[in-house]
Amino acid sequence: MIIFLTLCYVGILFLLVKVNIIKLNLWWKLSPLVWVLILLIAFFIPMQWGAPTGVVNMYQEVVQITPEVSGEVIDVPVKALTPVAKGDELFRIDPAPYEYRIAGLEAQLKLAQINLERAQELKRGDFAAQVTIDQYTAEVGSLQSELNDARYDLDKTVVTAPGNGFAIGVSLAVGKRVSNSSQSGVIAFVNQDRSRLVLGINQNFARHIRPGQSAEVTFKILPGTVFAATVDSIAPITSAGQLDPSGNIPMAPSAQDVPQPFAVVLKLEEDAFNEAGLNPLDIARTPGGAFGNGAIYTESSQMSHIIRKVMLRMTAWLNYIFAA
């Protein structure tokens, strides 16, 4: 950008010399260098913290679906990469063993309730001790609790989507046996309700960023378009600042360590989608891993914001050509 502005200055200077408005002396010959210094000091250097830029990435939550009960799969209505709504059925486990258990517990509970009623009648005639009633009461409560657990397990034989999204890599098939003790899920589900757009900002340029500030982003997948956004939150830690529980002594920082950028969570503005002729729902379904560039416009060095806006739009149009 600074080269472009310098070329514009040189072009204007050339025209002024050609029409004899100015004389080309030593000062005017050296003026492009002065122009570059002015641009650097007044705009481009302050722009690094006044309108910091970085790489954006769309993160989406991937849920490893593990059933809460074990059994044989009898139906898998979900199809890979097909959108499903929250609560839609993903797969179904054979409910027969759980139905049999419920039937058995219901019979035991009914018998326990009859025994309790008989004991209460006998107690009124002083033919039964209170301890007998207490025992039957405890038995009824215990069986009722077991029955509630069994009904809960029966409900969980139908595994549903935890949110709006889609399943990916569906290898589950009818006849396979699944277990609630599995270390990994049986289906990977992309929850599109939990998307996060994150912008990485270098640490030395992040000091003026605050929630609520305006921002702009452009995606490789949508070249030529710039979307308005606002700063939602700033992660106050990087992976370099994480201490994992371990029996080893953590390493001390060294000069060879590279400072990691801070993550800034952005919220996309729906009005900007309509102005761009795009449906907000389409942007909400932006694939996880959608890559691009973004900039945040802080209250510092506001004169440099216009240059950053122009640079971001140039990047958006160059996305038609360059993949990286």
C-alpha atoms as a PDB file:
ATOM      1  CA  MET A   1       0.000   0.000   0.000  1.00  0.00           C
ATOM      2  CA  ILE A   2       2.799   2.424   0.829  1.00  0.00           C
ATOM      3  CA  ILE A   3       4.370   1.715  -2.576  1.00  0.00           C
ATOM      4  CA  PHE A   4       1.041   2.443  -4.274  1.00  0.00           C
ATOM      5  CA  LEU A   5       0.656   5.782  -2.459  1.00  0.00           C
ATOM      6  CA  THR A   6       4.256   6.713  -3.253  1.00  0.00           C
ATOM      7  CA  LEU A   7       3.712   5.946  -6.944  1.00  0.00           C
ATOM      8  CA  CYS A   8       0.605   8.143  -6.871  1.00  0.00           C
ATOM      9  CA  TYR A   9       2.663  10.959  -5.357  1.00  0.00           C
ATOM     10  CA  VAL A  10       5.408  10.556  -7.956  1.00  0.00           C
ATOM     11  CA  GLY A  11       2.784  10.547 -10.733  1.00  0.00           C
ATOM     12  CA  ILE A  12       1.225  13.778  -9.473  1.00  0.00           C
ATOM     13  CA  LEU A  13       4.684  15.319  -9.094  1.00  0.00           C
ATOM     14  CA  PHE A  14       5.528  14.318 -12.677  1.00  0.00           C
ATOM     15  CA  LEU A  15       2.362  15.997 -14.011  1.00  0.00           C
ATOM     16  CA  LEU A  16       3.038  19.187 -12.045  1.00  0.00           C
ATOM     17  CA  VAL A  17       6.550  19.357 -13.487  1.00  0.00           C
ATOM     18  CA  LYS A  18       5.270  18.726 -17.025  1.00  0.00           C
ATOM     19  CA  VAL A  19       2.758  21.599 -16.859  1.00  0.00           C
ATOM     20  CA  ASN A  20       5.439  23.860 -15.356  1.00  0.00           C
ATOM     21  CA  ILE A  21       3.611  24.414 -12.080  1.00  0.00           C
ATOM     22  CA  ILE A  22       6.742  23.474 -10.115  1.00  0.00           C
ATOM     23  CA  LYS A  23      10.431  23.353 -10.957  1.00  0.00           C
ATOM     24  CA  LEU A  24      12.242  20.072 -10.496  1.00  0.00           C
ATOM     25  CA  ASN A  25      14.986  21.036  -8.055  1.00  0.00           C
ATOM     26  CA  LEU A  26      16.841  19.014  -5.422  1.00  0.00           C
ATOM     27  CA  TRP A  27      14.010  19.384  -2.907  1.00  0.00           C
ATOM     28  CA  TRP A  28      11.385  17.949  -5.232  1.00  0.00           C
ATOM     29  CA  LYS A  29      13.726  15.138  -6.209  1.00  0.00           C
ATOM     30  CA  LEU A  30      14.090  14.163  -2.550  1.00  0.00           C
ATOM     31  CA  SER A  31      10.433  14.812  -1.678  1.00  0.00           C
ATOM     32  CA  PRO A  32       9.307  11.197  -2.404  1.00  0.00           C
ATOM     33  CA  LEU A  33      11.572  10.051   0.439  1.00  0.00           C
ATOM     34  CA  VAL A  34      10.003  12.661   2.724  1.00  0.00           C
ATOM     35  CA  TRP A  35       6.571  11.489   1.556  1.00  0.00           C
ATOM     36  CA  VAL A  36       7.418   7.900   2.502  1.00  0.00           C
ATOM     37  CA  LEU A  37       8.606   9.014   5.949  1.00  0.00           C
ATOM     38  CA  ILE A  38       5.399  10.998   6.511  1.00  0.00           C
ATOM     39  CA  LEU A  39       3.283   8.008   5.509  1.00  0.00           C
ATOM     40  CA  LEU A  40       5.214   5.700   7.818  1.00  0.00           C
ATOM     41  CA  ILE A  41       5.188   7.987  10.852  1.00  0.00           C
ATOM     42  CA  ALA A  42       1.677   9.410  10.490  1.00  0.00           C
ATOM     43  CA  PHE A  43      -0.241   6.422   9.166  1.00  0.00           C
ATOM     44  CA  PHE A  44       1.364   3.028   8.664  1.00  0.00           C
ATOM     45  CA  ILE A  45       3.217   2.607  11.958  1.00  0.00           C
ATOM     46  CA  PRO A  46       0.275   3.812  14.138  1.00  0.00           C
ATOM     47  CA  MET A  47      -2.067   1.692  12.002  1.00  0.00           C
ATOM     48  CA  GLN A  48      -0.480  -1.474  13.409  1.00  0.00           C
ATOM     49  CA  TRP A  49      -2.108  -0.863  16.805  1.00  0.00           C
ATOM     50  CA  GLY A  50      -4.857   1.583  15.746  1.00  0.00           C
ATOM     51  CA  ALA A  51      -6.353  -0.798  13.167  1.00  0.00           C
ATOM     52  CA  PRO A  52      -4.658  -4.143  13.817  1.00  0.00           C
ATOM     53  CA  THR A  53      -5.166  -6.947  11.341  1.00  0.00           C
ATOM     54  CA  GLY A  54      -4.755 -10.700  11.388  1.00  0.00           C
ATOM     55  CA  VAL A  55      -6.013 -14.024  10.134  1.00  0.00           C
ATOM     56  CA  VAL A  56      -9.601 -15.108  10.835  1.00  0.00           C
ATOM     57  CA  ASN A  57     -10.901 -18.648  11.071  1.00  0.00           C
ATOM     58  CA  MET A  58     -14.414 -20.008  11.545  1.00  0.00           C
ATOM     59  CA  TYR A  59     -14.471 -22.598  14.321  1.00  0.00           C
ATOM     60  CA  GLN A  60     -17.371 -24.982  14.772  1.00  0.00           C
ATOM     61  CA  GLU A  61     -18.102 -27.340  17.646  1.00  0.00           C
ATOM     62  CA  VAL A  62     -17.778 -31.020  16.754  1.00  0.00           C
ATOM     63  CA  VAL A  63     -19.604 -33.316  19.192  1.00  0.00           C
ATOM     64  CA  GLN A  64     -18.567 -36.939  19.513  1.00  0.00           C
ATOM     65  CA  ILE A  65     -21.944 -38.662  19.828  1.00  0.00           C
ATOM     66  CA  THR A  66     -21.767 -41.512  22.348  1.00  0.00           C
ATOM     67  CA  PRO A  67     -24.976 -43.283  23.421  1.00  0.00           C
ATOM     68  CA  GLU A  68     -25.895 -43.321  27.095  1.00  0.00           C
ATOM     69  CA  VAL A  69     -27.041 -46.957  26.830  1.00  0.00           C
ATOM     70  CA  SER A  70     -25.619 -50.051  25.151  1.00  0.00           C
ATOM     71  CA  GLY A  71     -27.268 -52.264  22.589  1.00  0.00           C
ATOM     72  CA  GLU A  72     -27.704 -53.223  18.955  1.00  0.00           C
ATOM     73  CA  VAL A  73     -28.394 -50.483  16.416  1.00  0.00           C
ATOM     74  CA  ILE A  74     -31.684 -51.095  14.595  1.00  0.00           C
ATOM     75  CA  ASP A  75     -32.023 -47.852  12.592  1.00  0.00           C
ATOM     76  CA  VAL A  76     -29.732 -45.077  11.327  1.00  0.00           C
ATOM     77  CA  PRO A  77     -31.916 -42.437   9.623  1.00  0.00           C
ATOM     78  CA  VAL A  78     -29.227 -39.756   9.572  1.00  0.00           C
ATOM     79  CA  LYS A  79     -27.213 -39.321   6.390  1.00  0.00           C
ATOM     80  CA  ALA A  80     -23.719 -37.868   6.228  1.00  0.00           C
ATOM     81  CA  LEU A  81     -23.553 -34.128   5.412  1.00  0.00           C
ATOM     82  CA  THR A  82     -27.358 -33.832   5.425  1.00  0.00           C
ATOM     83  CA  PRO A  83     -28.620 -30.908   7.567  1.00  0.00           C
ATOM     84  CA  VAL A  84     -30.631 -31.926  10.626  1.00  0.00           C
ATOM     85  CA  ALA A  85     -32.424 -29.874  13.257  1.00  0.00           C
ATOM     86  CA  LYS A  86     -31.975 -30.064  16.998  1.00  0.00           C
ATOM     87  CA  GLY A  87     -33.843 -33.094  18.338  1.00  0.00           C
ATOM     88  CA  ASP A  88     -33.905 -35.011  15.045  1.00  0.00           C
ATOM     89  CA  GLU A  89     -33.174 -38.726  15.356  1.00  0.00           C
ATOM     90  CA  LEU A  90     -29.619 -39.795  14.535  1.00  0.00           C
ATOM     91  CA  PHE A  91     -29.880 -43.503  15.297  1.00  0.00           C
ATOM     92  CA  ARG A  92     -31.931 -45.930  17.351  1.00  0.00           C
ATOM     93  CA  ILE A  93     -30.858 -48.769  19.661  1.00  0.00           C
ATOM     94  CA  ASP A  94     -32.972 -51.900  20.118  1.00  0.00           C
ATOM     95  CA  PRO A  95     -35.373 -50.956  22.957  1.00  0.00           C
ATOM     96  CA  ALA A  96     -36.579 -54.528  23.687  1.00  0.00           C
ATOM     97  CA  PRO A  97     -34.206 -55.288  26.633  1.00  0.00           C
ATOM     98  CA  TYR A  98     -35.146 -51.998  28.289  1.00  0.00           C
ATOM     99  CA  GLU A  99     -38.863 -52.560  27.713  1.00  0.00           C
ATOM    100  CA  TYR A 100     -38.574 -56.011  29.325  1.00  0.00           C
ATOM    101  CA  ARG A 101     -36.808 -54.490  32.331  1.00  0.00           C
ATOM    102  CA  ILE A 102     -39.527 -51.858  32.691  1.00  0.00           C
ATOM    103  CA  ALA A 103     -42.236 -54.525  32.549  1.00  0.00           C
ATOM    104  CA  GLY A 104     -40.473 -56.550  35.262  1.00  0.00           C
ATOM    105  CA  LEU A 105     -40.004 -53.515  37.508  1.00  0.00           C
ATOM    106  CA  GLU A 106     -43.611 -52.437  37.050  1.00  0.00           C
ATOM    107  CA  ALA A 107     -44.757 -55.910  38.171  1.00  0.00           C
ATOM    108  CA  GLN A 108     -42.445 -55.807  41.206  1.00  0.00           C
ATOM    109  CA  LEU A 109     -43.601 -52.303  42.070  1.00  0.00           C
ATOM    110  CA  LYS A 110     -47.251 -53.305  41.837  1.00  0.00           C
ATOM    111  CA  LEU A 111     -46.645 -56.257  44.167  1.00  0.00           C
ATOM    112  CA  ALA A 112     -44.739 -54.057  46.621  1.00  0.00           C
ATOM    113  CA  GLN A 113     -47.575 -51.505  46.645  1.00  0.00           C
ATOM    114  CA  ILE A 114     -50.124 -54.290  47.324  1.00  0.00           C
ATOM    115  CA  ASN A 115     -47.973 -55.605  50.181  1.00  0.00           C
ATOM    116  CA  LEU A 116     -47.684 -52.091  51.592  1.00  0.00           C
ATOM    117  CA  GLU A 117     -51.448 -51.578  51.492  1.00  0.00           C
ATOM    118  CA  ARG A 118     -52.010 -54.931  53.232  1.00  0.00           C
ATOM    119  CA  ALA A 119     -49.455 -54.085  55.902  1.00  0.00           C
ATOM    120  CA  GLN A 120     -51.130 -50.727  56.492  1.00  0.00           C
ATOM    121  CA  GLU A 121     -54.517 -52.437  56.930  1.00  0.00           C
ATOM    122  CA  LEU A 122     -52.993 -54.931  59.363  1.00  0.00           C
ATOM    123  CA  LYS A 123     -51.327 -52.096  61.246  1.00  0.00           C
ATOM    124  CA  ARG A 124     -54.677 -50.403  61.777  1.00  0.00           C
ATOM    125  CA  GLY A 125     -55.815 -53.595  63.493  1.00  0.00           C
ATOM    126  CA  ASP A 126     -52.540 -53.887  65.409  1.00  0.00           C
ATOM    127  CA  PHE A 127     -51.687 -57.065  63.505  1.00  0.00           C
ATOM    128  CA  ALA A 128     -48.486 -55.665  61.905  1.00  0.00           C
ATOM    129  CA  ALA A 129     -45.478 -53.815  63.256  1.00  0.00           C
ATOM    130  CA  GLN A 130     -44.401 -50.367  62.035  1.00  0.00           C
ATOM    131  CA  VAL A 131     -41.102 -51.817  60.916  1.00  0.00           C
ATOM    132  CA  THR A 132     -42.942 -53.957  58.362  1.00  0.00           C
ATOM    133  CA  ILE A 133     -44.628 -50.892  56.898  1.00  0.00           C
ATOM    134  CA  ASP A 134     -41.281 -49.087  56.798  1.00  0.00           C
ATOM    135  CA  GLN A 135     -39.705 -51.994  54.930  1.00  0.00           C
ATOM    136  CA  TYR A 136     -42.467 -52.085  52.305  1.00  0.00           C
ATOM    137  CA  THR A 137     -42.376 -48.279  51.967  1.00  0.00           C
ATOM    138  CA  ALA A 138     -38.627 -48.400  51.343  1.00  0.00           C
ATOM    139  CA  GLU A 139     -39.119 -51.222  48.840  1.00  0.00           C
ATOM    140  CA  VAL A 140     -41.748 -49.213  46.929  1.00  0.00           C
ATOM    141  CA  GLY A 141     -39.461 -46.167  46.842  1.00  0.00           C
ATOM    142  CA  SER A 142     -36.493 -48.228  45.673  1.00  0.00           C
ATOM    143  CA  LEU A 143     -38.479 -49.936  42.917  1.00  0.00           C
ATOM    144  CA  GLN A 144     -39.956 -46.605  41.796  1.00  0.00           C
ATOM    145  CA  SER A 145     -36.450 -45.187  41.512  1.00  0.00           C
ATOM    146  CA  GLU A 146     -35.277 -48.194  39.503  1.00  0.00           C
ATOM    147  CA  LEU A 147     -38.328 -47.861  37.256  1.00  0.00           C
ATOM    148  CA  ASN A 148     -37.565 -44.188  36.621  1.00  0.00           C
ATOM    149  CA  ASP A 149     -33.989 -45.122  35.700  1.00  0.00           C
ATOM    150  CA  ALA A 150     -35.247 -47.846  33.362  1.00  0.00           C
ATOM    151  CA  ARG A 151     -37.634 -45.441  31.638  1.00  0.00           C
ATOM    152  CA  TYR A 152     -34.806 -42.945  31.269  1.00  0.00           C
ATOM    153  CA  ASP A 153     -32.631 -45.647  29.669  1.00  0.00           C
ATOM    154  CA  LEU A 154     -35.480 -46.526  27.303  1.00  0.00           C
ATOM    155  CA  ASP A 155     -35.763 -42.894  26.212  1.00  0.00           C
ATOM    156  CA  LYS A 156     -32.029 -42.844  25.531  1.00  0.00           C
ATOM    157  CA  THR A 157     -32.288 -45.710  23.025  1.00  0.00           C
ATOM    158  CA  VAL A 158     -33.239 -42.953  20.571  1.00  0.00           C
ATOM    159  CA  VAL A 159     -30.167 -40.740  20.062  1.00  0.00           C
ATOM    160  CA  THR A 160     -31.003 -37.248  18.788  1.00  0.00           C
ATOM    161  CA  ALA A 161     -29.045 -34.295  17.418  1.00  0.00           C
ATOM    162  CA  PRO A 162     -27.755 -31.943  20.158  1.00  0.00           C
ATOM    163  CA  GLY A 163     -28.210 -28.915  17.890  1.00  0.00           C
ATOM    164  CA  ASN A 164     -28.692 -27.732  14.336  1.00  0.00           C
ATOM    165  CA  GLY A 165     -25.971 -29.109  12.099  1.00  0.00           C
ATOM    166  CA  PHE A 166     -24.951 -32.242  10.280  1.00  0.00           C
ATOM    167  CA  ALA A 167     -23.262 -35.571  10.868  1.00  0.00           C
ATOM    168  CA  ILE A 168     -19.979 -36.292   9.143  1.00  0.00           C
ATOM    169  CA  GLY A 169     -18.277 -39.604   8.542  1.00  0.00           C
ATOM    170  CA  VAL A 170     -21.314 -41.767   9.354  1.00  0.00           C
ATOM    171  CA  SER A 171     -19.953 -45.320   9.438  1.00  0.00           C
ATOM    172  CA  LEU A 172     -22.559 -46.571  11.893  1.00  0.00           C
ATOM    173  CA  ALA A 173     -24.845 -49.228  10.390  1.00  0.00           C
ATOM    174  CA  VAL A 174     -27.788 -51.383  11.398  1.00  0.00           C
ATOM    175  CA  GLY A 175     -26.640 -54.466  13.303  1.00  0.00           C
ATOM    176  CA  LYS A 176     -23.615 -52.869  14.932  1.00  0.00           C
ATOM    177  CA  ARG A 177     -23.431 -52.931  18.712  1.00  0.00           C
ATOM    178  CA  VAL A 178     -22.659 -49.691  20.510  1.00  0.00           C
ATOM    179  CA  SER A 179     -21.651 -49.137  24.102  1.00  0.00           C
ATOM    180  CA  ASN A 180     -21.890 -46.239  26.510  1.00  0.00           C
ATOM    181  CA  SER A 181     -18.366 -47.047  27.688  1.00  0.00           C
ATOM    182  CA  SER A 182     -16.806 -46.298  24.299  1.00  0.00           C
ATOM    183  CA  GLN A 183     -13.761 -44.041  24.503  1.00  0.00           C
ATOM    184  CA  SER A 184     -14.661 -42.343  21.219  1.00  0.00           C
ATOM    185  CA  GLY A 185     -17.998 -41.384  19.722  1.00  0.00           C
ATOM    186  CA  VAL A 186     -19.850 -43.426  17.136  1.00  0.00           C
ATOM    187  CA  ILE A 187     -20.819 -40.342  15.087  1.00  0.00           C
ATOM    188  CA  ALA A 188     -19.091 -36.976  14.689  1.00  0.00           C
ATOM    189  CA  PHE A 189     -21.717 -34.221  14.708  1.00  0.00           C
ATOM    190  CA  VAL A 190     -20.958 -30.639  13.640  1.00  0.00           C
ATOM    191  CA  ASN A 191     -23.037 -28.303  15.814  1.00  0.00           C
ATOM    192  CA  GLN A 192     -23.541 -25.169  13.736  1.00  0.00           C
ATOM    193  CA  ASP A 193     -25.266 -23.396  16.625  1.00  0.00           C
ATOM    194  CA  ARG A 194     -21.865 -23.094  18.300  1.00  0.00           C
ATOM    195  CA  SER A 195     -19.846 -21.391  15.555  1.00  0.00           C
ATOM    196  CA  ARG A 196     -17.117 -18.954  16.568  1.00  0.00           C
ATOM    197  CA  LEU A 197     -15.295 -16.490  14.311  1.00  0.00           C
ATOM    198  CA  VAL A 198     -11.836 -15.848  15.761  1.00  0.00           C
ATOM    199  CA  LEU A 199      -9.264 -13.256  14.688  1.00  0.00           C
ATOM    200  CA  GLY A 200      -5.630 -13.654  15.734  1.00  0.00           C
ATOM    201  CA  ILE A 201      -3.892 -10.389  16.722  1.00  0.00           C
ATOM    202  CA  ASN A 202      -0.192 -10.113  17.529  1.00  0.00           C
ATOM    203  CA  GLN A 203       0.450  -9.312  21.169  1.00  0.00           C
ATOM    204  CA  ASN A 204       2.188  -5.961  20.610  1.00  0.00           C
ATOM    205  CA  PHE A 205      -0.800  -4.685  18.584  1.00  0.00           C
ATOM    206  CA  ALA A 206      -3.615  -5.921  20.857  1.00  0.00           C
ATOM    207  CA  ARG A 207      -3.407  -3.399  23.692  1.00  0.00           C
ATOM    208  CA  HIS A 208      -6.133  -1.039  22.392  1.00  0.00           C
ATOM    209  CA  ILE A 209      -8.704  -3.720  21.513  1.00  0.00           C
ATOM    210  CA  ARG A 210     -11.934  -3.615  23.532  1.00  0.00           C
ATOM    211  CA  PRO A 211     -15.300  -5.439  23.251  1.00  0.00           C
ATOM    212  CA  GLY A 212     -17.832  -3.559  21.130  1.00  0.00           C
ATOM    213  CA  GLN A 213     -15.315  -2.069  18.699  1.00  0.00           C
ATOM    214  CA  SER A 214     -16.128  -2.300  14.994  1.00  0.00           C
ATOM    215  CA  ALA A 215     -14.321  -4.746  12.756  1.00  0.00           C
ATOM    216  CA  GLU A 216     -14.381  -6.075   9.202  1.00  0.00           C
ATOM    217  CA  VAL A 217     -13.592  -9.501   7.778  1.00  0.00           C
ATOM    218  CA  THR A 218     -13.232 -11.107   4.376  1.00  0.00           C
ATOM    219  CA  PHE A 219     -13.242 -14.826   3.590  1.00  0.00           C
ATOM    220  CA  LYS A 220     -11.356 -16.820   0.982  1.00  0.00           C
ATOM    221  CA  ILE A 221     -14.584 -18.694   0.305  1.00  0.00           C
ATOM    222  CA  LEU A 222     -16.394 -15.389  -0.465  1.00  0.00           C
ATOM    223  CA  PRO A 223     -13.854 -13.312  -2.432  1.00  0.00           C
ATOM    224  CA  GLY A 224     -14.557  -9.687  -3.196  1.00  0.00           C
ATOM    225  CA  THR A 225     -16.854  -9.212  -0.187  1.00  0.00           C
ATOM    226  CA  VAL A 226     -16.110  -7.507   3.124  1.00  0.00           C
ATOM    227  CA  PHE A 227     -18.414  -8.113   6.090  1.00  0.00           C
ATOM    228  CA  ALA A 228     -19.002  -5.867   9.089  1.00  0.00           C
ATOM    229  CA  ALA A 229     -18.429  -7.283  12.554  1.00  0.00           C
ATOM    230  CA  THR A 230     -17.936  -6.239  16.156  1.00  0.00           C
ATOM    231  CA  VAL A 231     -15.548  -7.427  18.837  1.00  0.00           C
ATOM    232  CA  ASP A 232     -17.431  -9.845  21.089  1.00  0.00           C
ATOM    233  CA  SER A 233     -14.683 -10.875  23.509  1.00  0.00           C
ATOM    234  CA  ILE A 234     -10.930 -11.269  23.877  1.00  0.00           C
ATOM    235  CA  ALA A 235      -9.363 -14.489  25.131  1.00  0.00           C
ATOM    236  CA  PRO A 236      -6.995 -13.427  27.959  1.00  0.00           C
ATOM    237  CA  ILE A 237      -4.678 -16.409  27.450  1.00  0.00           C
ATOM    238  CA  THR A 238      -2.822 -18.309  24.740  1.00  0.00           C
ATOM    239  CA  SER A 239      -1.749 -21.940  24.653  1.00  0.00           C
ATOM    240  CA  ALA A 240       1.744 -20.805  25.687  1.00  0.00           C
ATOM    241  CA  GLY A 241       0.300 -19.644  29.018  1.00  0.00           C
ATOM    242  CA  GLN A 242      -1.344 -22.958  29.848  1.00  0.00           C
ATOM    243  CA  LEU A 243       0.078 -25.131  32.620  1.00  0.00           C
ATOM    244  CA  ASP A 244      -1.051 -28.742  32.328  1.00  0.00           C
ATOM    245  CA  PRO A 245      -1.111 -30.926  35.457  1.00  0.00           C
ATOM    246  CA  SER A 246       2.123 -32.874  35.378  1.00  0.00           C
ATOM    247  CA  GLY A 247       4.823 -34.275  37.597  1.00  0.00           C
ATOM    248  CA  ASN A 248       7.432 -32.460  35.501  1.00  0.00           C
ATOM    249  CA  ILE A 249       8.813 -29.002  36.196  1.00  0.00           C
ATOM    250  CA  PRO A 250       7.535 -26.549  33.549  1.00  0.00           C
ATOM    251  CA  MET A 251      10.165 -24.976  31.317  1.00  0.00           C
ATOM    252  CA  ALA A 252      10.992 -21.324  31.917  1.00  0.00           C
ATOM    253  CA  PRO A 253      10.417 -18.818  29.094  1.00  0.00           C
ATOM    254  CA  SER A 254      13.352 -18.291  26.761  1.00  0.00           C
ATOM    255  CA  ALA A 255      14.302 -15.783  24.094  1.00  0.00           C
ATOM    256  CA  GLN A 256      13.633 -18.438  21.455  1.00  0.00           C
ATOM    257  CA  ASP A 257       9.928 -18.617  22.360  1.00  0.00           C
ATOM    258  CA  VAL A 258       7.657 -17.027  19.752  1.00  0.00           C
ATOM    259  CA  PRO A 259       4.846 -14.907  21.237  1.00  0.00           C
ATOM    260  CA  GLN A 260       1.521 -16.336  20.141  1.00  0.00           C
ATOM    261  CA  PRO A 261      -1.287 -14.052  18.944  1.00  0.00           C
ATOM    262  CA  PHE A 262      -4.294 -13.411  21.148  1.00  0.00           C
ATOM    263  CA  ALA A 263      -7.660 -14.738  20.002  1.00  0.00           C
ATOM    264  CA  VAL A 264     -10.356 -12.100  19.459  1.00  0.00           C
ATOM    265  CA  VAL A 265     -13.895 -13.456  19.035  1.00  0.00           C
ATOM    266  CA  LEU A 266     -15.904 -11.475  16.479  1.00  0.00           C
ATOM    267  CA  LYS A 267     -19.651 -11.254  15.966  1.00  0.00           C
ATOM    268  CA  LEU A 268     -20.786 -10.846  12.363  1.00  0.00           C
ATOM    269  CA  GLU A 269     -23.389  -8.170  11.637  1.00  0.00           C
ATOM    270  CA  GLU A 270     -26.437  -9.493   9.766  1.00  0.00           C
ATOM    271  CA  ASP A 271     -27.190  -6.115   8.128  1.00  0.00           C
ATOM    272  CA  ALA A 272     -23.924  -6.325   6.220  1.00  0.00           C
ATOM    273  CA  PHE A 273     -24.993  -9.643   4.696  1.00  0.00           C
ATOM    274  CA  ASN A 274     -28.129  -8.095   3.217  1.00  0.00           C
ATOM    275  CA  GLU A 275     -26.165  -5.174   1.798  1.00  0.00           C
ATOM    276  CA  ALA A 276     -23.864  -7.680   0.122  1.00  0.00           C
ATOM    277  CA  GLY A 277     -26.864  -9.503  -1.349  1.00  0.00           C
ATOM    278  CA  LEU A 278     -26.277 -12.590   0.780  1.00  0.00           C
ATOM    279  CA  ASN A 279     -28.627 -14.456   3.072  1.00  0.00           C
ATOM    280  CA  PRO A 280     -27.575 -14.283   6.759  1.00  0.00           C
ATOM    281  CA  LEU A 281     -28.392 -17.993   7.044  1.00  0.00           C
ATOM    282  CA  ASP A 282     -25.771 -18.723   4.391  1.00  0.00           C
ATOM    283  CA  ILE A 283     -23.141 -16.952   6.449  1.00  0.00           C
ATOM    284  CA  ALA A 284     -24.278 -18.749   9.589  1.00  0.00           C
ATOM    285  CA  ARG A 285     -23.574 -21.957   7.674  1.00  0.00           C
ATOM    286  CA  THR A 286     -20.081 -20.839   6.688  1.00  0.00           C
ATOM    287  CA  PRO A 287     -17.986 -24.016   6.830  1.00  0.00           C
ATOM    288  CA  GLY A 288     -15.798 -24.618   9.827  1.00  0.00           C
ATOM    289  CA  GLY A 289     -12.258 -23.753   8.855  1.00  0.00           C
ATOM    290  CA  ALA A 290     -13.339 -20.916   6.536  1.00  0.00           C
ATOM    291  CA  PHE A 291     -10.176 -18.817   6.331  1.00  0.00           C
ATOM    292  CA  GLY A 292      -9.676 -15.121   5.707  1.00  0.00           C
ATOM    293  CA  ASN A 293      -8.427 -11.795   7.000  1.00  0.00           C
ATOM    294  CA  GLY A 294      -9.869  -9.244   9.355  1.00  0.00           C
ATOM    295  CA  ALA A 295      -9.191  -5.891  10.965  1.00  0.00           C
ATOM    296  CA  ILE A 296     -10.344  -4.159  14.143  1.00  0.00           C
ATOM    297  CA  TYR A 297     -10.846  -0.398  14.274  1.00  0.00           C
ATOM    298  CA  THR A 298      -9.892   0.872  17.722  1.00  0.00           C
ATOM    299  CA  GLU A 299     -10.211   4.376  19.166  1.00  0.00           C
ATOM    300  CA  SER A 300      -6.483   4.895  18.617  1.00  0.00           C
ATOM    301  CA  SER A 301      -4.956   6.390  15.422  1.00  0.00           C
ATOM    302  CA  GLN A 302      -8.315   6.756  13.703  1.00  0.00           C
ATOM    303  CA  MET A 303      -6.755   8.576  10.741  1.00  0.00           C
ATOM    304  CA  SER A 304      -5.192   5.285   9.688  1.00  0.00           C
ATOM    305  CA  HIS A 305      -8.525   3.438   9.569  1.00  0.00           C
ATOM    306  CA  ILE A 306      -9.298   4.477   5.994  1.00  0.00           C
ATOM    307  CA  ILE A 307      -5.998   3.007   4.799  1.00  0.00           C
ATOM    308  CA  ARG A 308      -6.711  -0.279   6.577  1.00  0.00           C
ATOM    309  CA  LYS A 309     -10.194  -0.385   5.015  1.00  0.00           C
ATOM    310  CA  VAL A 310      -8.712   0.076   1.548  1.00  0.00           C
ATOM    311  CA  MET A 311      -6.068  -2.590   2.191  1.00  0.00           C
ATOM    312  CA  LEU A 312      -8.680  -5.079   3.418  1.00  0.00           C
ATOM    313  CA  ARG A 313     -10.785  -4.516   0.310  1.00  0.00           C
ATOM    314  CA  MET A 314      -7.742  -5.031  -1.873  1.00  0.00           C
ATOM    315  CA  THR A 315      -7.178  -8.330  -0.056  1.00  0.00           C
ATOM    316  CA  ALA A 316     -10.815  -9.289  -0.654  1.00  0.00           C
ATOM    317  CA  TRP A 317     -10.456  -8.810  -4.413  1.00  0.00           C
ATOM    318  CA  LEU A 318      -7.094 -10.571  -4.507  1.00  0.00           C
ATOM    319  CA  ASN A 319      -8.849 -13.604  -3.003  1.00  0.00           C
ATOM    320  CA  TYR A 320     -10.210 -14.233  -6.502  1.00  0.00           C
ATOM    321  CA  ILE A 321      -6.632 -14.901  -7.639  1.00  0.00           C
ATOM    322  CA  PHE A 322      -4.498 -16.101  -4.749  1.00  0.00           C
ATOM    323  CA  ALA A 323      -5.296 -19.222  -2.736  1.00  0.00           C
ATOM    324  CA  ALA A 324      -2.914 -18.456   0.132  1.00  0.00           C
END
